[in-house]
Amino acid sequence: GLEHYLCCCSSSYRKVFGDDSRLSAFRSQSLSCCNVASSTACSSPGLYRRPPASDGLDLSQAAARTNEEQQLQGLNDRFAVFIEKVQQLETQNRALKAELSALRQPGELFQRELRDLRAQLEEGSSARAQALLERDGLAYEVPRLRARYGEESRGREGAERALKAQQRDVDGATLARLDLEKKVESLLDELAFVRQVHDEEVAELLATLQASSQVDVAVAKPDLSSALREIRAEYECLAAKNLQSAEEWYKSKFANLNEQVARSTEAIRDSHEEISQLQACTIEIDGLRGANESLERQILELEKRHNAEVAGYQDSIGQLENDLRNTKSEIACHLREYQDLLNVKMTLDIEIAAYRKLLEGEETRFNTSGLSISGLNPLPSPSYLLPSRILKEEEEEEEASKVASKKISQIGESFEETLEETVISTKKTEKSNIEETTISSQKI
């Protein structure tokens, strides 16, 4: 009963001994029970003392109790060992669960990475399909780009020629401006020199007038002053005219130079803009040149493939023509043989007709002679009935040979017609294939 109880306790240890405190309490209780039982058995022997007549029975009961206590102690120890093992297994289970969760986390990460990689693969496939479509579109745009390339190259050449011409015009305008500036400086210097000479002459005239006025002031004073005023007015008029003419000429030249400079600056600005456009066009032309080279390589490959296919078709045409010639020669041989056979047949027919006439004459002769001797020999001889059968068989053979010859001639004619039709159809198909390939190569 005790072993069954311990087994039940060991099976349901989680309900009774869930933690270490309960286990220690159970151990202390079990050990205390055992100790109490042993102490009561040892310290109070008077409780189990019987009358002297039953001493042997008491000893046997004490031995049985000690055995039971030892068994209970051993079972308690085994139960404790089992519980420790269970706890160790629980700790291992928890560690394995933690390790499993730790291993599941990288698995989830790998799943995420796998989904991302699949999405990237789909994007790459779609991008590849898009690139293929773009490549096909660029292949169709190559002729337009070639035409544009030719136009741009021609425009570039024209712009370069215009730029060179405008550069020459700008150089001429700068040289003219420098010459005019030099002329203006020389004219200004000349004007200053004229003014200086005029001032010196006026000073000399004033000095001479003052000297003459000292000699005869009273007599010539009104005449000298009027003469001086007239001379001064003339020189001032001349100086004003010279100055005005010089300023007008300078202004006109300066205005012309400004107009030329403005035109040259506009031309230079236009030329710079054209140069920038030409540089952009050259960059685009370089890119288109690379694309053109790649397309030209593809065209060369297609032409090589096309030439190889054309050579194969030509070889097949030559082989078919050889086969046709061979078949025609064979048909001619068969026709010659058939003609020989027909000639032989005609000779045989002539011989058969001659033999037939002879047999018919003999038959009529024997029939007339047979009528005269019919009374003596009423039965006709079978040897003279055979030629008629032979003649019928020969006629049937002739008709069959004629029908066979007609069929053979029809078969030969139909065979020739089919051969000619097949040759013509093959030639037409090859010509159409060649024309399609040439048209596709020209389009490319």
Protein backbone atom coordinates (compact mmCIF):
# COMPACT_ATOMS: atom_id res chain seq x y z
CA GLY A 1 0.00 0.00 0.00
CA LEU A 2 2.87 2.38 0.79
CA GLU A 3 4.61 1.71 -2.56
CA HIS A 4 1.37 2.38 -4.43
CA TYR A 5 0.96 5.62 -2.51
CA LEU A 6 4.51 6.70 -3.37
CA CYS A 7 3.99 5.84 -7.03
CA CYS A 8 0.81 7.95 -7.07
CA CYS A 9 2.70 10.75 -5.41
CA SER A 10 5.52 10.49 -7.94
CA SER A 11 3.03 10.59 -10.85
CA SER A 12 1.25 13.63 -9.45
CA TYR A 13 4.24 15.50 -8.02
CA ARG A 14 3.35 18.69 -9.91
CA LYS A 15 0.06 19.00 -8.08
CA VAL A 16 1.44 18.20 -4.64
CA PHE A 17 5.08 19.41 -4.89
CA GLY A 18 5.16 22.23 -7.42
CA ASP A 19 8.24 24.06 -6.08
CA ASP A 20 11.29 23.50 -3.87
CA SER A 21 9.58 24.70 -0.69
CA ARG A 22 6.90 22.03 -0.95
CA LEU A 23 9.56 19.44 -1.78
CA SER A 24 11.62 20.42 1.25
CA ALA A 25 8.47 20.40 3.40
CA PHE A 26 7.56 16.95 2.12
CA ARG A 27 11.09 15.72 2.80
CA SER A 28 11.06 17.20 6.29
CA GLN A 29 7.63 15.70 6.96
CA SER A 30 8.62 12.28 5.69
CA LEU A 31 11.87 12.31 7.57
CA SER A 32 10.16 13.60 10.71
CA CYS A 33 7.59 10.84 10.44
CA CYS A 34 10.33 8.28 10.09
CA ASN A 35 12.29 9.76 12.97
CA VAL A 36 9.21 9.95 15.15
CA ALA A 37 8.36 6.38 14.34
CA SER A 38 11.90 5.26 15.10
CA SER A 39 12.11 7.36 18.25
CA THR A 40 8.83 6.05 19.52
CA ALA A 41 9.97 2.61 18.70
CA CYS A 42 13.28 3.09 20.45
CA SER A 43 12.55 5.48 23.32
CA SER A 44 9.25 4.07 24.42
CA PRO A 45 9.57 0.34 24.18
CA GLY A 46 6.97 0.09 26.82
CA LEU A 47 4.28 0.85 24.37
CA TYR A 48 5.01 -2.35 22.42
CA ARG A 49 5.80 -4.46 25.45
CA ARG A 50 3.56 -7.42 25.81
CA PRO A 51 3.15 -9.95 28.39
CA PRO A 52 5.99 -12.33 28.64
CA ALA A 53 4.12 -14.93 26.73
CA SER A 54 4.07 -12.79 23.55
CA ASP A 55 7.72 -11.58 23.34
CA GLY A 56 8.43 -13.47 20.09
CA LEU A 57 5.46 -11.79 18.44
CA ASP A 58 6.68 -8.33 19.51
CA LEU A 59 10.13 -8.97 18.13
CA SER A 60 8.72 -10.05 14.79
CA GLN A 61 6.47 -6.96 14.65
CA ALA A 62 9.45 -4.71 15.50
CA ALA A 63 11.52 -6.32 12.76
CA ALA A 64 8.67 -5.85 10.30
CA ARG A 65 8.34 -2.21 11.32
CA THR A 66 12.07 -1.58 10.94
CA ASN A 67 11.95 -3.17 7.48
CA GLU A 68 8.99 -1.01 6.56
CA GLU A 69 10.79 2.09 7.83
CA GLN A 70 13.90 1.23 5.83
CA GLN A 71 11.80 0.64 2.72
CA LEU A 72 9.99 3.94 3.33
CA GLN A 73 13.34 5.73 3.73
CA GLY A 74 14.66 4.19 0.50
CA LEU A 75 11.48 5.10 -1.34
CA ASN A 76 11.67 8.66 -0.02
CA ASP A 77 15.25 8.91 -1.24
CA ARG A 78 14.34 7.51 -4.64
CA PHE A 79 11.37 9.90 -4.81
CA ALA A 80 13.65 12.86 -4.02
CA VAL A 81 16.08 11.72 -6.71
CA PHE A 82 13.22 11.45 -9.18
CA ILE A 83 11.99 14.93 -8.28
CA GLU A 84 15.51 16.34 -8.75
CA LYS A 85 15.72 14.64 -12.13
CA VAL A 86 12.35 16.10 -13.06
CA GLN A 87 13.52 19.56 -12.03
CA GLN A 88 16.69 19.14 -14.07
CA LEU A 89 14.60 18.06 -17.04
CA GLU A 90 12.33 21.06 -16.55
CA THR A 91 15.32 23.39 -16.50
CA GLN A 92 16.65 21.69 -19.63
CA ASN A 93 13.20 22.02 -21.23
CA ARG A 94 13.12 25.73 -20.43
CA ALA A 95 16.64 26.12 -21.82
CA LEU A 96 15.65 24.25 -24.98
CA LYS A 97 12.52 26.41 -25.33
CA ALA A 98 14.64 29.53 -24.98
CA GLU A 99 17.11 28.15 -27.53
CA LEU A 100 14.21 27.27 -29.85
CA SER A 101 12.79 30.78 -29.56
CA ALA A 102 16.27 32.18 -30.18
CA LEU A 103 16.59 29.97 -33.24
CA ARG A 104 13.12 30.93 -34.48
CA GLN A 105 14.00 34.63 -34.44
CA PRO A 106 16.77 34.22 -37.12
CA GLY A 107 14.35 32.03 -39.05
CA GLU A 108 11.84 34.87 -39.12
CA LEU A 109 14.61 37.22 -40.16
CA PHE A 110 15.59 34.81 -42.93
CA GLN A 111 11.97 34.64 -44.03
CA ARG A 112 11.82 38.42 -44.19
CA GLU A 113 15.08 38.53 -46.17
CA LEU A 114 13.73 35.82 -48.46
CA ARG A 115 10.55 37.83 -49.06
CA ASP A 116 12.64 40.94 -49.73
CA LEU A 117 14.86 39.01 -52.14
CA ARG A 118 11.81 37.64 -53.93
CA ALA A 119 10.41 41.14 -54.23
CA GLN A 120 13.78 42.33 -55.57
CA LEU A 121 13.79 39.43 -58.03
CA GLU A 122 10.34 40.38 -59.27
CA GLU A 123 11.43 44.01 -59.58
CA GLY A 124 14.54 42.90 -61.47
CA SER A 125 12.49 40.76 -63.83
CA SER A 126 10.08 43.63 -64.45
CA ALA A 127 13.02 46.00 -64.96
CA ARG A 128 14.56 43.50 -67.38
CA ALA A 129 11.30 43.29 -69.34
CA GLN A 130 11.10 47.10 -69.35
CA ALA A 131 14.71 47.30 -70.56
CA LEU A 132 13.96 44.85 -73.35
CA LEU A 133 10.97 46.95 -74.39
CA GLU A 134 13.10 50.09 -74.31
CA ARG A 135 15.76 48.33 -76.38
CA ASP A 136 13.18 47.38 -78.98
CA GLY A 137 11.88 50.96 -78.98
CA LEU A 138 15.40 52.29 -79.45
CA ALA A 139 15.96 49.86 -82.30
CA TYR A 140 12.90 51.34 -84.00
CA GLU A 141 14.14 54.89 -83.28
CA VAL A 142 17.55 54.32 -84.86
CA PRO A 143 16.56 55.53 -88.40
CA ARG A 144 15.05 58.71 -86.97
CA LEU A 145 18.15 59.30 -84.88
CA ARG A 146 20.34 58.72 -87.91
CA ALA A 147 18.40 61.32 -89.87
CA ARG A 148 18.62 63.71 -86.95
CA TYR A 149 22.33 63.00 -86.66
CA GLY A 150 22.79 63.93 -90.33
CA GLU A 151 20.78 67.12 -89.88
CA GLU A 152 22.71 68.08 -86.76
CA SER A 153 26.05 67.38 -88.42
CA ARG A 154 25.07 69.55 -91.39
CA GLY A 155 23.85 72.29 -89.02
CA ARG A 156 27.08 72.04 -87.07
CA GLU A 157 29.14 72.45 -90.23
CA GLY A 158 27.04 75.47 -91.26
CA ALA A 159 27.37 76.98 -87.78
CA GLU A 160 31.12 76.46 -87.81
CA ARG A 161 31.34 78.19 -91.20
CA ALA A 162 29.14 81.07 -89.95
CA LEU A 163 31.25 81.29 -86.79
CA LYS A 164 34.42 81.53 -88.82
CA ALA A 165 32.89 84.26 -91.00
CA GLN A 166 31.64 86.16 -87.97
CA GLN A 167 35.03 85.79 -86.34
CA ARG A 168 36.58 87.41 -89.38
CA ASP A 169 33.98 90.19 -89.20
CA VAL A 170 34.69 90.68 -85.50
CA ASP A 171 38.41 90.84 -86.16
CA GLY A 172 37.83 93.44 -88.90
CA ALA A 173 35.53 95.45 -86.60
CA THR A 174 38.09 95.43 -83.78
CA LEU A 175 40.83 96.53 -86.19
CA ALA A 176 38.59 99.29 -87.55
CA ARG A 177 37.73 100.40 -84.01
CA LEU A 178 41.42 100.56 -83.11
CA ASP A 179 42.16 102.58 -86.27
CA LEU A 180 39.31 104.98 -85.52
CA GLU A 181 40.46 105.38 -81.94
CA LYS A 182 43.91 106.20 -83.21
CA LYS A 183 42.46 108.69 -85.68
CA VAL A 184 40.37 110.28 -82.91
CA GLU A 185 43.44 110.63 -80.74
CA SER A 186 45.40 112.17 -83.60
CA LEU A 187 42.54 114.56 -84.38
CA LEU A 188 42.30 115.56 -80.73
CA ASP A 189 46.02 116.16 -80.68
CA GLU A 190 45.72 118.17 -83.89
CA LEU A 191 42.82 120.16 -82.41
CA ALA A 192 44.85 120.94 -79.30
CA PHE A 193 47.79 121.95 -81.48
CA VAL A 194 45.53 124.19 -83.61
CA ARG A 195 44.10 125.77 -80.47
CA GLN A 196 47.58 126.35 -79.14
CA VAL A 197 48.71 127.91 -82.47
CA HIS A 198 45.56 130.03 -82.51
CA ASP A 199 46.22 131.23 -79.00
CA GLU A 200 49.82 132.03 -79.86
CA GLU A 201 48.78 133.91 -83.00
CA VAL A 202 46.14 135.82 -81.04
CA ALA A 203 48.76 136.67 -78.43
CA GLU A 204 51.20 137.85 -81.11
CA LEU A 205 48.50 139.90 -82.77
CA LEU A 206 47.60 141.44 -79.45
CA ALA A 207 51.24 142.23 -78.83
CA THR A 208 51.64 143.83 -82.25
CA LEU A 209 48.42 145.72 -81.79
CA GLN A 210 49.55 147.00 -78.43
CA ALA A 211 52.90 148.09 -79.93
CA SER A 212 51.21 149.86 -82.81
CA SER A 213 48.70 151.44 -80.49
CA GLN A 214 51.52 153.00 -78.48
CA VAL A 215 52.91 154.59 -81.67
CA ASP A 216 49.64 156.02 -83.01
CA VAL A 217 46.97 155.68 -80.44
CA ALA A 218 44.99 158.67 -81.26
CA VAL A 219 44.73 158.12 -85.00
CA ALA A 220 44.36 154.29 -85.43
CA LYS A 221 42.58 153.34 -82.25
CA PRO A 222 39.12 152.77 -83.71
CA ASP A 223 40.49 150.95 -86.77
CA LEU A 224 42.70 148.54 -84.74
CA SER A 225 39.96 147.65 -82.33
CA SER A 226 37.56 146.92 -85.16
CA ALA A 227 40.24 144.93 -87.01
CA LEU A 228 41.04 142.98 -83.86
CA ARG A 229 37.38 142.24 -83.30
CA GLU A 230 37.01 141.10 -86.91
CA ILE A 231 40.12 138.92 -86.74
CA ARG A 232 39.02 137.48 -83.39
CA ALA A 233 35.54 136.81 -84.76
CA GLU A 234 36.99 135.09 -87.84
CA TYR A 235 39.35 132.95 -85.80
CA GLU A 236 36.62 132.05 -83.35
CA CYS A 237 34.29 131.14 -86.22
CA LEU A 238 36.99 128.98 -87.77
CA ALA A 239 37.80 127.37 -84.47
CA ALA A 240 34.12 126.73 -83.75
CA LYS A 241 33.59 125.26 -87.21
CA ASN A 242 36.67 123.07 -86.90
CA LEU A 243 35.66 121.96 -83.43
CA GLN A 244 32.05 121.27 -84.47
CA SER A 245 33.15 119.36 -87.57
CA ALA A 246 35.64 117.36 -85.53
CA GLU A 247 33.06 116.59 -82.84
CA GLU A 248 30.47 115.58 -85.44
CA TRP A 249 32.94 113.33 -87.23
CA TYR A 250 34.07 111.85 -83.94
CA LYS A 251 30.47 111.27 -82.83
CA SER A 252 29.54 109.68 -86.14
CA LYS A 253 32.59 107.43 -86.07
CA PHE A 254 31.98 106.59 -82.43
CA ALA A 255 28.33 105.76 -83.15
CA ASN A 256 29.36 103.56 -86.08
CA LEU A 257 31.92 101.82 -83.92
CA ASN A 258 29.33 101.30 -81.17
CA GLU A 259 26.91 99.81 -83.68
CA GLN A 260 29.63 97.52 -85.04
CA VAL A 261 30.63 96.53 -81.50
CA ALA A 262 26.97 95.83 -80.62
CA ARG A 263 26.54 93.74 -83.76
CA SER A 264 29.77 91.91 -83.08
CA THR A 265 28.79 91.25 -79.43
CA GLU A 266 25.40 89.92 -80.53
CA ALA A 267 27.12 87.77 -83.12
CA ILE A 268 29.56 86.55 -80.49
CA ARG A 269 26.68 85.79 -78.09
CA ASP A 270 24.85 83.93 -80.83
CA SER A 271 28.02 82.07 -81.73
CA HIS A 272 28.54 81.12 -78.06
CA GLU A 273 24.98 79.84 -77.85
CA GLU A 274 25.48 77.90 -81.06
CA ILE A 275 28.75 76.53 -79.71
CA SER A 276 27.01 75.35 -76.52
CA GLN A 277 24.25 73.78 -78.61
CA LEU A 278 26.87 72.20 -80.82
CA GLN A 279 28.66 70.81 -77.78
CA ALA A 280 25.40 69.32 -76.52
CA CYS A 281 24.77 67.97 -80.00
CA THR A 282 28.29 66.51 -80.14
CA ILE A 283 27.69 64.75 -76.82
CA GLU A 284 24.39 63.41 -78.10
CA ILE A 285 26.06 62.49 -81.37
CA ASP A 286 28.75 60.57 -79.52
CA GLY A 287 26.08 58.62 -77.64
CA LEU A 288 24.16 58.02 -80.85
CA ARG A 289 27.40 57.02 -82.54
CA GLY A 290 27.95 54.34 -79.92
CA ALA A 291 24.38 53.14 -80.33
CA ASN A 292 24.84 53.29 -84.10
CA GLU A 293 28.00 51.21 -83.89
CA SER A 294 26.25 48.59 -81.78
CA LEU A 295 23.33 48.55 -84.20
CA GLU A 296 25.71 48.33 -87.15
CA ARG A 297 27.34 45.33 -85.50
CA GLN A 298 23.91 43.78 -85.08
CA ILE A 299 23.13 44.59 -88.72
CA LEU A 300 26.39 42.94 -89.81
CA GLU A 301 25.53 39.87 -87.77
CA LEU A 302 22.05 39.82 -89.31
CA GLU A 303 23.56 40.22 -92.77
CA LYS A 304 25.96 37.34 -92.12
CA ARG A 305 23.09 35.22 -90.88
CA HIS A 306 21.01 36.28 -93.87
CA ASN A 307 23.85 35.47 -96.27
CA ALA A 308 24.28 32.08 -94.61
CA GLU A 309 20.55 31.41 -94.95
CA VAL A 310 20.61 32.59 -98.59
CA ALA A 311 23.59 30.30 -99.26
CA GLY A 312 21.70 27.42 -97.66
CA TYR A 313 18.63 28.21 -99.75
CA GLN A 314 20.78 28.41 -102.88
CA ASP A 315 22.37 25.08 -102.04
CA SER A 316 18.94 23.57 -101.52
CA ILE A 317 17.80 25.11 -104.84
CA GLY A 318 20.82 23.65 -106.61
CA GLN A 319 20.19 20.28 -105.04
CA LEU A 320 16.52 20.43 -106.05
CA GLU A 321 17.51 21.42 -109.58
CA ASN A 322 19.95 18.52 -109.72
CA ASP A 323 17.22 16.21 -108.45
CA LEU A 324 14.88 17.66 -111.07
CA ARG A 325 17.41 17.08 -113.84
CA ASN A 326 18.00 13.56 -112.60
CA THR A 327 14.28 12.86 -112.46
CA LYS A 328 13.83 14.36 -115.93
CA SER A 329 16.66 12.21 -117.27
CA GLU A 330 15.12 9.16 -115.60
CA ILE A 331 11.72 10.05 -117.06
CA ALA A 332 13.33 10.47 -120.49
CA CYS A 333 14.99 7.06 -120.13
CA HIS A 334 11.69 5.52 -119.07
CA LEU A 335 9.94 7.24 -121.99
CA ARG A 336 12.56 5.92 -124.42
CA GLU A 337 12.16 2.46 -122.97
CA TYR A 338 8.40 2.84 -123.21
CA GLN A 339 8.74 4.00 -126.81
CA ASP A 340 10.89 0.97 -127.60
CA LEU A 341 8.34 -1.24 -125.93
CA LEU A 342 5.59 0.42 -127.97
CA ASN A 343 7.58 -0.18 -131.15
CA VAL A 344 8.07 -3.82 -130.21
CA LYS A 345 4.39 -4.02 -129.38
CA MET A 346 3.47 -2.56 -132.78
CA THR A 347 5.60 -5.11 -134.55
CA LEU A 348 4.07 -7.85 -132.47
CA ASP A 349 0.59 -6.48 -133.24
CA ILE A 350 1.39 -6.56 -136.96
CA GLU A 351 2.67 -10.11 -136.68
CA ILE A 352 -0.38 -11.11 -134.65
CA ALA A 353 -2.71 -9.57 -137.25
CA ALA A 354 -0.90 -11.48 -140.00
CA TYR A 355 -1.18 -14.70 -138.04
CA ARG A 356 -4.83 -13.92 -137.40
CA LYS A 357 -5.54 -13.51 -141.08
CA LEU A 358 -3.76 -16.76 -141.83
CA LEU A 359 -5.66 -18.56 -139.10
CA GLU A 360 -8.97 -17.11 -140.27
CA GLY A 361 -8.22 -18.28 -143.84
CA GLU A 362 -7.26 -21.73 -142.60
CA GLU A 363 -10.34 -21.81 -140.42
CA THR A 364 -12.65 -20.96 -143.33
CA ARG A 365 -10.89 -23.52 -145.48
CA PHE A 366 -11.21 -26.23 -142.86
CA ASN A 367 -14.81 -25.26 -142.22
CA THR A 368 -15.68 -25.69 -145.91
CA SER A 369 -13.80 -28.95 -146.04
CA GLY A 370 -15.44 -30.02 -142.79
CA LEU A 371 -18.91 -29.54 -144.19
CA SER A 372 -18.13 -31.95 -146.94
CA ILE A 373 -16.94 -34.65 -144.58
CA SER A 374 -19.39 -33.93 -141.76
CA GLY A 375 -21.06 -37.18 -142.21
CA LEU A 376 -17.86 -39.06 -141.70
CA ASN A 377 -16.54 -36.96 -138.80
CA PRO A 378 -19.37 -35.09 -137.01
CA LEU A 379 -17.22 -33.81 -134.08
CA PRO A 380 -14.96 -30.81 -134.77
CA SER A 381 -11.36 -31.16 -133.89
CA PRO A 382 -10.39 -29.14 -130.82
CA SER A 383 -7.08 -28.16 -132.38
CA TYR A 384 -8.87 -25.73 -134.72
CA LEU A 385 -10.99 -24.16 -131.98
CA LEU A 386 -7.96 -22.95 -130.05
CA PRO A 387 -6.91 -20.14 -132.44
CA SER A 388 -10.16 -18.23 -131.84
CA ARG A 389 -9.56 -18.31 -128.08
CA ILE A 390 -5.95 -17.28 -128.61
CA LEU A 391 -7.11 -14.39 -130.76
CA LYS A 392 -9.58 -13.23 -128.11
CA GLU A 393 -6.88 -13.39 -125.44
CA GLU A 394 -4.50 -11.45 -127.68
CA GLU A 395 -7.15 -8.79 -128.31
CA GLU A 396 -7.77 -8.47 -124.58
CA GLU A 397 -4.02 -8.17 -124.01
CA GLU A 398 -3.79 -5.45 -126.68
CA GLU A 399 -6.61 -3.49 -125.09
CA ALA A 400 -5.01 -3.87 -121.64
CA SER A 401 -1.63 -2.77 -123.02
CA LYS A 402 -3.25 0.27 -124.67
CA VAL A 403 -4.99 1.23 -121.42
CA ALA A 404 -1.74 0.70 -119.48
CA SER A 405 0.20 2.83 -121.99
CA LYS A 406 -2.40 5.59 -121.70
CA LYS A 407 -2.22 5.41 -117.89
CA ILE A 408 1.58 5.44 -117.97
CA SER A 409 1.61 8.46 -120.28
CA GLN A 410 -0.92 10.25 -118.05
CA ILE A 411 1.11 9.38 -114.96
CA GLY A 412 4.31 10.65 -116.64
CA GLU A 413 2.61 13.89 -117.68
CA SER A 414 1.09 14.41 -114.21
CA PHE A 415 4.48 13.62 -112.60
CA GLU A 416 6.22 16.17 -114.82
CA GLU A 417 3.51 18.75 -114.07
CA THR A 418 3.82 18.14 -110.30
CA LEU A 419 7.60 18.39 -110.52
CA GLU A 420 7.39 21.65 -112.44
CA GLU A 421 4.81 23.01 -109.99
CA THR A 422 6.97 22.05 -106.99
CA VAL A 423 10.04 23.67 -108.55
CA ILE A 424 8.12 26.85 -109.36
CA SER A 425 6.59 26.99 -105.85
CA THR A 426 10.01 26.45 -104.22
CA LYS A 427 11.52 29.21 -106.36
CA LYS A 428 8.66 31.58 -105.50
CA THR A 429 8.98 30.86 -101.77
CA GLU A 430 12.76 31.35 -101.89
CA LYS A 431 12.35 34.63 -103.79
CA SER A 432 9.76 35.85 -101.27
CA ASN A 433 12.03 34.87 -98.37
CA ILE A 434 14.97 36.68 -99.97
CA GLU A 435 12.85 39.79 -100.62
CA GLU A 436 11.55 39.78 -97.03
CA THR A 437 15.06 39.44 -95.61
CA THR A 438 16.36 42.26 -97.84
CA ILE A 439 13.43 44.50 -96.87
CA SER A 440 13.99 43.78 -93.16
CA SER A 441 17.73 44.49 -93.49
CA GLN A 442 16.98 47.77 -95.32
CA LYS A 443 14.50 48.76 -92.61
CA ILE A 444 17.10 48.01 -89.93
